[in-house]
């Protein structure tokens, strides 16, 4: 199965009418550190998309780039054991979410209506940056625009 393109992300962003623009970088932005270096921002301002399978169902956690997702907190949220919380494999990322790891955006997914949870640590920043469908495309937005764009739920999902 082929990954979706940055055009799919642009379409989802444009449909939200928030005035957001996708940027292309010559350097890779596939990790939080690389993205922060390319953009010139704090690593915590990178809104990384973590694709998880919880009890067999996909969810997306949009986490602050300087934090790790706490599988214990996810398991507690879903009232399952930790072994039921799994990181999606690269082929599952493409099949379910539509994009390869390093480029998974918070919107424009292949599978509609994937539950999205937003890391409360992102609220430390006014402006954040998310992947836009490839390892060298990103877009910036206000932290409140992320919630509007994704219809995500703010949650305590990161390790302290």
N, C-alpha and C. Protein backbone atom coordinates (compact mmCIF):
# COMPACT_ATOMS: atom_id res chain seq x y z
N UNK A 1 0.84 -1.18 0.00
CA UNK A 1 0.00 0.00 0.00
C UNK A 1 0.89 1.24 0.00
N UNK A 2 0.57 2.19 -0.84
CA UNK A 2 1.36 3.41 -0.97
C UNK A 2 0.94 4.44 0.09
N UNK A 3 1.93 5.20 0.60
CA UNK A 3 1.58 6.27 1.54
C UNK A 3 0.79 7.37 0.84
N UNK A 4 0.00 8.08 1.60
CA UNK A 4 -0.66 9.28 1.10
C UNK A 4 0.39 10.37 0.94
N UNK A 5 0.02 11.46 0.31
CA UNK A 5 0.99 12.51 0.03
C UNK A 5 0.73 13.75 0.89
N UNK A 6 1.66 14.66 0.80
CA UNK A 6 1.52 15.95 1.48
C UNK A 6 0.28 16.68 1.00
N UNK A 7 -0.13 16.44 -0.24
CA UNK A 7 -1.35 17.07 -0.77
C UNK A 7 -2.58 16.68 0.05
N UNK A 8 -2.61 15.45 0.56
CA UNK A 8 -3.73 15.03 1.42
C UNK A 8 -3.76 15.85 2.71
N UNK A 9 -2.57 16.11 3.24
CA UNK A 9 -2.49 16.91 4.47
C UNK A 9 -2.92 18.35 4.18
N UNK A 10 -2.42 18.90 3.07
CA UNK A 10 -2.80 20.27 2.69
C UNK A 10 -4.32 20.39 2.57
N UNK A 11 -4.94 19.39 1.95
CA UNK A 11 -6.40 19.43 1.77
C UNK A 11 -7.12 19.43 3.12
N UNK A 12 -6.64 18.61 4.06
CA UNK A 12 -7.26 18.57 5.39
C UNK A 12 -7.07 19.89 6.12
N UNK A 13 -5.88 20.46 5.99
CA UNK A 13 -5.60 21.75 6.63
C UNK A 13 -6.45 22.85 6.00
N UNK A 14 -6.51 22.87 4.68
CA UNK A 14 -7.29 23.90 3.98
C UNK A 14 -8.77 23.82 4.34
N UNK A 15 -9.28 22.59 4.50
CA UNK A 15 -10.70 22.41 4.83
C UNK A 15 -11.05 23.01 6.19
N UNK A 16 -10.05 23.13 7.06
CA UNK A 16 -10.29 23.69 8.39
C UNK A 16 -10.32 25.22 8.39
N UNK A 17 -9.91 25.84 7.28
CA UNK A 17 -9.93 27.32 7.17
C UNK A 17 -9.24 28.04 8.32
N UNK A 18 -8.05 27.56 8.68
CA UNK A 18 -7.30 28.18 9.77
C UNK A 18 -6.13 29.02 9.26
N UNK A 19 -5.95 29.06 7.94
CA UNK A 19 -4.86 29.85 7.37
C UNK A 19 -3.48 29.26 7.60
N UNK A 20 -3.40 27.94 7.73
CA UNK A 20 -2.12 27.27 7.98
C UNK A 20 -1.45 26.91 6.65
N UNK A 21 -0.12 26.90 6.65
CA UNK A 21 0.65 26.66 5.44
C UNK A 21 1.69 25.56 5.67
N UNK A 22 1.76 24.61 4.75
CA UNK A 22 2.77 23.55 4.80
C UNK A 22 4.09 24.11 4.27
N UNK A 23 5.17 23.82 4.99
CA UNK A 23 6.50 24.23 4.57
C UNK A 23 7.31 23.00 4.19
N UNK A 24 8.14 23.15 3.16
CA UNK A 24 9.06 22.08 2.75
C UNK A 24 10.46 22.47 3.17
N UNK A 25 11.20 21.50 3.70
CA UNK A 25 12.57 21.72 4.14
C UNK A 25 13.52 20.86 3.32
N UNK A 26 14.71 21.38 3.06
CA UNK A 26 15.70 20.60 2.33
C UNK A 26 16.28 19.50 3.22
N UNK A 27 16.33 19.75 4.52
CA UNK A 27 16.82 18.75 5.46
C UNK A 27 15.65 17.95 6.02
N UNK A 28 15.96 16.75 6.49
CA UNK A 28 14.93 15.90 7.08
C UNK A 28 14.37 16.52 8.36
N UNK A 29 13.08 16.35 8.53
CA UNK A 29 12.41 16.75 9.77
C UNK A 29 11.73 15.53 10.40
N UNK A 30 12.31 14.34 10.15
CA UNK A 30 11.67 13.09 10.54
C UNK A 30 11.66 12.83 12.04
N UNK A 31 12.56 13.47 12.79
CA UNK A 31 12.54 13.32 14.25
C UNK A 31 12.30 14.69 14.87
N UNK A 32 11.95 14.70 16.12
CA UNK A 32 11.70 15.97 16.81
C UNK A 32 12.95 16.85 16.80
N UNK A 33 14.11 16.24 17.02
CA UNK A 33 15.35 16.99 17.06
C UNK A 33 15.68 17.58 15.69
N UNK A 34 15.54 16.78 14.64
CA UNK A 34 15.81 17.27 13.28
C UNK A 34 14.83 18.37 12.89
N UNK A 35 13.57 18.17 13.23
CA UNK A 35 12.55 19.17 12.89
C UNK A 35 12.83 20.48 13.61
N UNK A 36 13.16 20.41 14.90
CA UNK A 36 13.44 21.63 15.66
C UNK A 36 14.65 22.37 15.09
N UNK A 37 15.68 21.62 14.68
CA UNK A 37 16.87 22.24 14.09
C UNK A 37 16.53 22.91 12.77
N UNK A 38 15.74 22.25 11.93
CA UNK A 38 15.38 22.81 10.62
C UNK A 38 14.49 24.05 10.77
N UNK A 39 13.56 24.00 11.71
CA UNK A 39 12.60 25.09 11.91
C UNK A 39 13.23 26.23 12.71
N UNK A 40 14.11 25.86 13.64
CA UNK A 40 14.70 26.86 14.53
C UNK A 40 13.84 27.11 15.75
N UNK A 41 13.31 26.04 16.33
CA UNK A 41 12.45 26.16 17.50
C UNK A 41 12.91 25.20 18.59
N UNK A 42 12.26 25.25 19.72
CA UNK A 42 12.52 24.34 20.82
C UNK A 42 11.99 22.95 20.45
N UNK A 43 12.71 21.90 20.86
CA UNK A 43 12.27 20.53 20.57
C UNK A 43 10.86 20.28 21.11
N UNK A 44 10.53 20.88 22.24
CA UNK A 44 9.20 20.70 22.82
C UNK A 44 8.08 21.25 21.97
N UNK A 45 8.40 22.17 21.05
CA UNK A 45 7.38 22.75 20.16
C UNK A 45 7.01 21.83 19.00
N UNK A 46 7.75 20.74 18.84
CA UNK A 46 7.42 19.78 17.79
C UNK A 46 6.29 18.89 18.31
N UNK A 47 5.20 18.86 17.56
CA UNK A 47 4.04 18.03 17.90
C UNK A 47 4.16 16.72 17.13
N UNK A 48 4.78 15.73 17.78
CA UNK A 48 5.03 14.46 17.10
C UNK A 48 3.82 13.55 17.20
N UNK A 49 3.52 12.90 16.08
CA UNK A 49 2.38 11.98 16.02
C UNK A 49 2.85 10.58 16.35
N UNK A 50 2.32 10.01 17.41
CA UNK A 50 2.67 8.66 17.84
C UNK A 50 1.47 7.76 17.53
N UNK A 51 1.69 6.81 16.64
CA UNK A 51 0.63 5.89 16.20
C UNK A 51 0.62 4.68 17.12
N UNK A 52 -0.47 4.50 17.81
CA UNK A 52 -0.60 3.39 18.76
C UNK A 52 -1.79 2.51 18.39
N UNK A 53 -1.65 1.25 18.76
CA UNK A 53 -2.75 0.29 18.65
C UNK A 53 -3.08 -0.11 20.09
N UNK A 54 -4.28 0.22 20.53
CA UNK A 54 -4.70 -0.06 21.91
C UNK A 54 -5.83 -1.08 21.87
N UNK A 55 -5.54 -2.25 22.41
CA UNK A 55 -6.53 -3.33 22.44
C UNK A 55 -7.06 -3.61 21.03
N UNK A 56 -6.17 -3.52 20.04
CA UNK A 56 -6.51 -3.82 18.65
C UNK A 56 -7.04 -2.67 17.83
N UNK A 57 -7.26 -1.50 18.44
CA UNK A 57 -7.83 -0.34 17.74
C UNK A 57 -6.80 0.80 17.65
N UNK A 58 -6.75 1.49 16.51
CA UNK A 58 -5.78 2.58 16.37
C UNK A 58 -6.20 3.84 17.11
N UNK A 59 -5.20 4.51 17.69
CA UNK A 59 -5.37 5.86 18.22
C UNK A 59 -4.15 6.65 17.79
N UNK A 60 -4.22 7.96 17.89
CA UNK A 60 -3.07 8.81 17.61
C UNK A 60 -2.85 9.70 18.82
N UNK A 61 -1.61 9.74 19.29
CA UNK A 61 -1.23 10.65 20.36
C UNK A 61 -0.32 11.69 19.74
N UNK A 62 -0.67 12.95 19.89
CA UNK A 62 0.18 14.05 19.42
C UNK A 62 0.90 14.56 20.66
N UNK A 63 2.20 14.25 20.72
CA UNK A 63 2.99 14.51 21.92
C UNK A 63 4.02 15.60 21.68
N UNK A 64 4.39 16.26 22.75
CA UNK A 64 5.46 17.25 22.71
C UNK A 64 6.77 16.54 22.37
N UNK A 65 7.56 17.15 21.49
CA UNK A 65 8.79 16.53 21.00
C UNK A 65 9.82 16.21 22.04
N UNK A 66 9.76 16.85 23.20
CA UNK A 66 10.74 16.58 24.25
C UNK A 66 10.20 15.62 25.31
N UNK A 67 9.08 15.00 25.03
CA UNK A 67 8.47 14.07 25.99
C UNK A 67 8.29 12.70 25.34
N UNK A 68 8.17 11.68 26.19
CA UNK A 68 7.86 10.33 25.74
C UNK A 68 6.44 10.00 26.19
N UNK A 69 5.73 9.27 25.34
CA UNK A 69 4.38 8.83 25.70
C UNK A 69 4.51 7.74 26.76
N UNK A 70 3.69 7.83 27.77
CA UNK A 70 3.70 6.87 28.87
C UNK A 70 2.64 5.81 28.61
N UNK A 71 3.10 4.60 28.25
CA UNK A 71 2.14 3.54 27.93
C UNK A 71 1.28 3.17 29.14
N UNK A 72 1.78 3.41 30.34
CA UNK A 72 0.97 3.14 31.54
C UNK A 72 -0.24 4.07 31.59
N UNK A 73 0.01 5.34 31.28
CA UNK A 73 -1.10 6.31 31.29
C UNK A 73 -2.12 5.99 30.20
N UNK A 74 -1.63 5.57 29.03
CA UNK A 74 -2.55 5.18 27.94
C UNK A 74 -3.37 3.97 28.37
N UNK A 75 -2.70 2.97 28.95
CA UNK A 75 -3.40 1.76 29.40
C UNK A 75 -4.47 2.11 30.43
N UNK A 76 -4.14 3.01 31.35
CA UNK A 76 -5.11 3.43 32.36
C UNK A 76 -6.30 4.14 31.72
N UNK A 77 -6.02 5.03 30.75
CA UNK A 77 -7.10 5.74 30.07
C UNK A 77 -8.10 4.79 29.43
N UNK A 78 -7.57 3.69 28.87
CA UNK A 78 -8.41 2.75 28.14
C UNK A 78 -8.81 1.53 28.98
N UNK A 79 -8.39 1.54 30.24
CA UNK A 79 -8.72 0.45 31.16
C UNK A 79 -8.31 -0.91 30.60
N UNK A 80 -7.06 -0.96 30.11
CA UNK A 80 -6.48 -2.21 29.61
C UNK A 80 -5.10 -2.38 30.25
N UNK A 81 -4.55 -3.58 30.14
CA UNK A 81 -3.19 -3.81 30.59
C UNK A 81 -2.19 -3.16 29.64
N UNK A 82 -0.98 -2.89 30.16
CA UNK A 82 0.06 -2.23 29.34
C UNK A 82 0.39 -3.03 28.08
N UNK A 83 0.28 -4.35 28.14
CA UNK A 83 0.61 -5.18 26.97
C UNK A 83 -0.38 -4.98 25.83
N UNK A 84 -1.51 -4.34 26.11
CA UNK A 84 -2.51 -4.05 25.08
C UNK A 84 -2.24 -2.73 24.37
N UNK A 85 -1.19 -2.00 24.79
CA UNK A 85 -0.80 -0.73 24.17
C UNK A 85 0.47 -0.99 23.37
N UNK A 86 0.36 -0.89 22.05
CA UNK A 86 1.50 -1.20 21.18
C UNK A 86 1.74 -0.05 20.21
N UNK A 87 3.01 0.19 19.95
CA UNK A 87 3.39 1.14 18.91
C UNK A 87 3.07 0.51 17.56
N UNK A 88 2.42 1.24 16.68
CA UNK A 88 2.10 0.70 15.35
C UNK A 88 3.40 0.43 14.60
N UNK A 89 3.43 -0.66 13.87
CA UNK A 89 4.59 -0.99 13.03
C UNK A 89 4.59 -0.06 11.82
N UNK A 90 5.75 0.12 11.18
CA UNK A 90 5.81 1.02 10.01
C UNK A 90 4.76 0.72 8.94
N UNK A 91 4.53 -0.57 8.64
CA UNK A 91 3.52 -0.89 7.62
C UNK A 91 2.11 -0.57 8.11
N UNK A 92 1.87 -0.69 9.41
CA UNK A 92 0.57 -0.31 9.97
C UNK A 92 0.37 1.20 9.91
N UNK A 93 1.46 1.95 10.10
CA UNK A 93 1.36 3.41 10.00
C UNK A 93 0.86 3.81 8.62
N UNK A 94 1.42 3.18 7.58
CA UNK A 94 1.00 3.50 6.21
C UNK A 94 -0.41 2.98 5.95
N UNK A 95 -0.69 1.75 6.35
CA UNK A 95 -1.99 1.14 6.08
C UNK A 95 -3.13 1.84 6.82
N UNK A 96 -2.93 2.15 8.09
CA UNK A 96 -4.01 2.70 8.92
C UNK A 96 -4.05 4.23 8.87
N UNK A 97 -2.89 4.84 9.09
CA UNK A 97 -2.83 6.30 9.21
C UNK A 97 -2.56 6.96 7.86
N UNK A 98 -1.88 6.22 6.96
CA UNK A 98 -1.64 6.73 5.61
C UNK A 98 -0.24 7.24 5.35
N UNK A 99 0.61 7.25 6.37
CA UNK A 99 1.92 7.87 6.23
C UNK A 99 2.99 7.03 6.92
N UNK A 100 4.22 7.17 6.43
CA UNK A 100 5.35 6.47 7.03
C UNK A 100 5.78 7.19 8.31
N UNK A 101 6.33 6.45 9.27
CA UNK A 101 6.85 7.10 10.48
C UNK A 101 7.83 8.22 10.11
N UNK A 102 7.76 9.31 10.86
CA UNK A 102 8.60 10.47 10.56
C UNK A 102 7.86 11.52 9.76
N UNK A 103 6.70 11.15 9.23
CA UNK A 103 5.91 12.10 8.45
C UNK A 103 4.43 12.07 8.78
N UNK A 104 4.05 11.31 9.81
CA UNK A 104 2.63 11.18 10.15
C UNK A 104 2.11 12.51 10.70
N UNK A 105 1.11 13.08 10.03
CA UNK A 105 0.54 14.35 10.48
C UNK A 105 -0.58 14.10 11.50
N UNK A 106 -1.03 15.15 12.16
CA UNK A 106 -2.15 15.00 13.08
C UNK A 106 -3.51 14.98 12.38
N UNK A 107 -3.54 15.20 11.06
CA UNK A 107 -4.79 15.23 10.28
C UNK A 107 -4.58 14.55 8.93
N UNK A 108 -5.69 14.32 8.22
CA UNK A 108 -5.60 13.78 6.86
C UNK A 108 -5.27 12.31 6.80
N UNK A 109 -5.78 11.54 7.73
CA UNK A 109 -5.45 10.12 7.81
C UNK A 109 -6.26 9.27 6.83
N UNK A 110 -5.68 8.13 6.49
CA UNK A 110 -6.36 7.19 5.59
C UNK A 110 -7.62 6.65 6.25
N UNK A 111 -7.53 6.26 7.50
CA UNK A 111 -8.68 5.76 8.24
C UNK A 111 -9.37 6.94 8.92
N UNK A 112 -10.63 7.19 8.61
CA UNK A 112 -11.31 8.34 9.22
C UNK A 112 -11.62 8.10 10.70
N UNK A 113 -11.73 9.19 11.42
CA UNK A 113 -12.21 9.19 12.81
C UNK A 113 -11.35 8.39 13.79
N UNK A 114 -10.04 8.37 13.56
CA UNK A 114 -9.14 7.78 14.55
C UNK A 114 -9.16 8.70 15.78
N UNK A 115 -9.38 8.15 16.97
CA UNK A 115 -9.35 9.00 18.16
C UNK A 115 -7.97 9.64 18.34
N UNK A 116 -7.96 10.94 18.62
CA UNK A 116 -6.71 11.69 18.75
C UNK A 116 -6.64 12.28 20.15
N UNK A 117 -5.49 12.07 20.78
CA UNK A 117 -5.23 12.58 22.12
C UNK A 117 -4.04 13.53 22.05
N UNK A 118 -4.19 14.69 22.66
CA UNK A 118 -3.19 15.75 22.60
C UNK A 118 -2.48 15.86 23.94
N UNK A 119 -1.17 15.75 23.89
CA UNK A 119 -0.32 15.84 25.08
C UNK A 119 -0.46 17.22 25.72
N UNK A 120 -0.87 17.25 26.97
CA UNK A 120 -1.05 18.52 27.68
C UNK A 120 0.23 19.34 27.76
N UNK A 121 1.40 18.69 27.66
CA UNK A 121 2.67 19.43 27.69
C UNK A 121 2.83 20.37 26.50
N UNK A 122 2.09 20.15 25.42
CA UNK A 122 2.15 21.06 24.28
C UNK A 122 1.64 22.45 24.66
N UNK A 123 0.81 22.53 25.67
CA UNK A 123 0.23 23.82 26.07
C UNK A 123 1.27 24.78 26.65
N UNK A 124 2.50 24.32 26.83
CA UNK A 124 3.57 25.21 27.30
C UNK A 124 3.94 26.24 26.24
N UNK A 125 3.55 25.99 25.00
CA UNK A 125 3.98 26.81 23.88
C UNK A 125 2.80 27.48 23.19
N UNK A 126 3.03 28.67 22.66
CA UNK A 126 2.01 29.35 21.86
C UNK A 126 1.95 28.77 20.46
N UNK A 127 3.12 28.46 19.89
CA UNK A 127 3.22 27.95 18.53
C UNK A 127 3.88 26.58 18.55
N UNK A 128 3.30 25.65 17.79
CA UNK A 128 3.85 24.30 17.68
C UNK A 128 3.92 23.92 16.20
N UNK A 129 4.66 22.85 15.91
CA UNK A 129 4.90 22.43 14.53
C UNK A 129 4.68 20.93 14.41
N UNK A 130 3.96 20.53 13.36
CA UNK A 130 3.63 19.12 13.15
C UNK A 130 4.08 18.66 11.77
N UNK A 131 4.30 17.36 11.63
CA UNK A 131 4.64 16.77 10.34
C UNK A 131 3.47 16.96 9.38
N UNK A 132 3.81 17.02 8.09
CA UNK A 132 2.77 17.25 7.08
C UNK A 132 2.80 16.19 5.98
N UNK A 133 3.06 14.94 6.37
CA UNK A 133 2.92 13.86 5.41
C UNK A 133 4.20 13.29 4.83
N UNK A 134 5.34 13.94 5.09
CA UNK A 134 6.62 13.40 4.63
C UNK A 134 7.69 13.78 5.63
N UNK A 135 8.88 13.22 5.44
CA UNK A 135 9.98 13.47 6.37
C UNK A 135 10.63 14.83 6.17
N UNK A 136 10.11 15.65 5.26
CA UNK A 136 10.66 17.01 5.12
C UNK A 136 9.58 18.08 4.90
N UNK A 137 8.37 17.80 5.37
CA UNK A 137 7.29 18.79 5.34
C UNK A 137 6.72 18.96 6.74
N UNK A 138 6.46 20.21 7.11
CA UNK A 138 5.92 20.55 8.42
C UNK A 138 4.96 21.71 8.28
N UNK A 139 4.15 21.93 9.30
CA UNK A 139 3.34 23.14 9.35
C UNK A 139 3.24 23.62 10.79
N UNK A 140 3.24 24.94 10.94
CA UNK A 140 3.13 25.54 12.25
C UNK A 140 1.70 25.98 12.52
N UNK A 141 1.37 26.07 13.81
CA UNK A 141 0.03 26.49 14.19
C UNK A 141 0.05 26.93 15.65
N UNK A 142 -0.96 27.66 16.04
CA UNK A 142 -1.15 27.95 17.45
C UNK A 142 -1.59 26.68 18.16
N UNK A 143 -1.22 26.56 19.43
CA UNK A 143 -1.55 25.34 20.16
C UNK A 143 -3.06 25.09 20.20
N UNK A 144 -3.86 26.14 20.28
CA UNK A 144 -5.32 25.95 20.27
C UNK A 144 -5.83 25.54 18.90
N UNK A 145 -5.11 25.93 17.84
CA UNK A 145 -5.50 25.51 16.49
C UNK A 145 -5.35 24.00 16.33
N UNK A 146 -4.39 23.40 17.04
CA UNK A 146 -4.22 21.95 16.97
C UNK A 146 -5.49 21.25 17.41
N UNK A 147 -6.08 21.70 18.49
CA UNK A 147 -7.31 21.07 18.98
C UNK A 147 -8.45 21.29 17.99
N UNK A 148 -8.54 22.48 17.43
CA UNK A 148 -9.58 22.78 16.44
C UNK A 148 -9.40 21.91 15.20
N UNK A 149 -8.16 21.80 14.74
CA UNK A 149 -7.85 21.05 13.53
C UNK A 149 -8.13 19.56 13.67
N UNK A 150 -7.77 18.99 14.82
CA UNK A 150 -7.86 17.54 15.00
C UNK A 150 -9.12 17.08 15.71
N UNK A 151 -9.80 18.01 16.39
CA UNK A 151 -10.89 17.65 17.29
C UNK A 151 -10.39 16.67 18.36
N UNK A 152 -9.11 16.80 18.69
CA UNK A 152 -8.49 15.93 19.67
C UNK A 152 -8.87 16.27 21.10
N UNK A 153 -8.57 15.35 21.98
CA UNK A 153 -8.85 15.48 23.40
C UNK A 153 -7.54 15.72 24.14
N UNK A 154 -7.47 16.81 24.91
CA UNK A 154 -6.29 17.06 25.73
C UNK A 154 -6.22 15.99 26.82
N UNK A 155 -5.01 15.45 27.02
CA UNK A 155 -4.85 14.37 28.00
C UNK A 155 -3.45 14.37 28.59
N UNK A 156 -3.34 13.81 29.77
CA UNK A 156 -2.05 13.61 30.42
C UNK A 156 -1.51 12.27 29.94
N UNK A 157 -0.67 12.30 28.90
CA UNK A 157 -0.21 11.07 28.26
C UNK A 157 1.31 10.91 28.27
N UNK A 158 2.04 11.91 28.76
CA UNK A 158 3.50 11.88 28.68
C UNK A 158 4.12 11.49 30.01
N UNK A 159 5.32 10.93 29.91
CA UNK A 159 6.11 10.67 31.12
C UNK A 159 6.55 12.00 31.69
N UNK A 160 6.57 12.08 33.00
CA UNK A 160 6.97 13.34 33.67
C UNK A 160 8.45 13.58 33.53
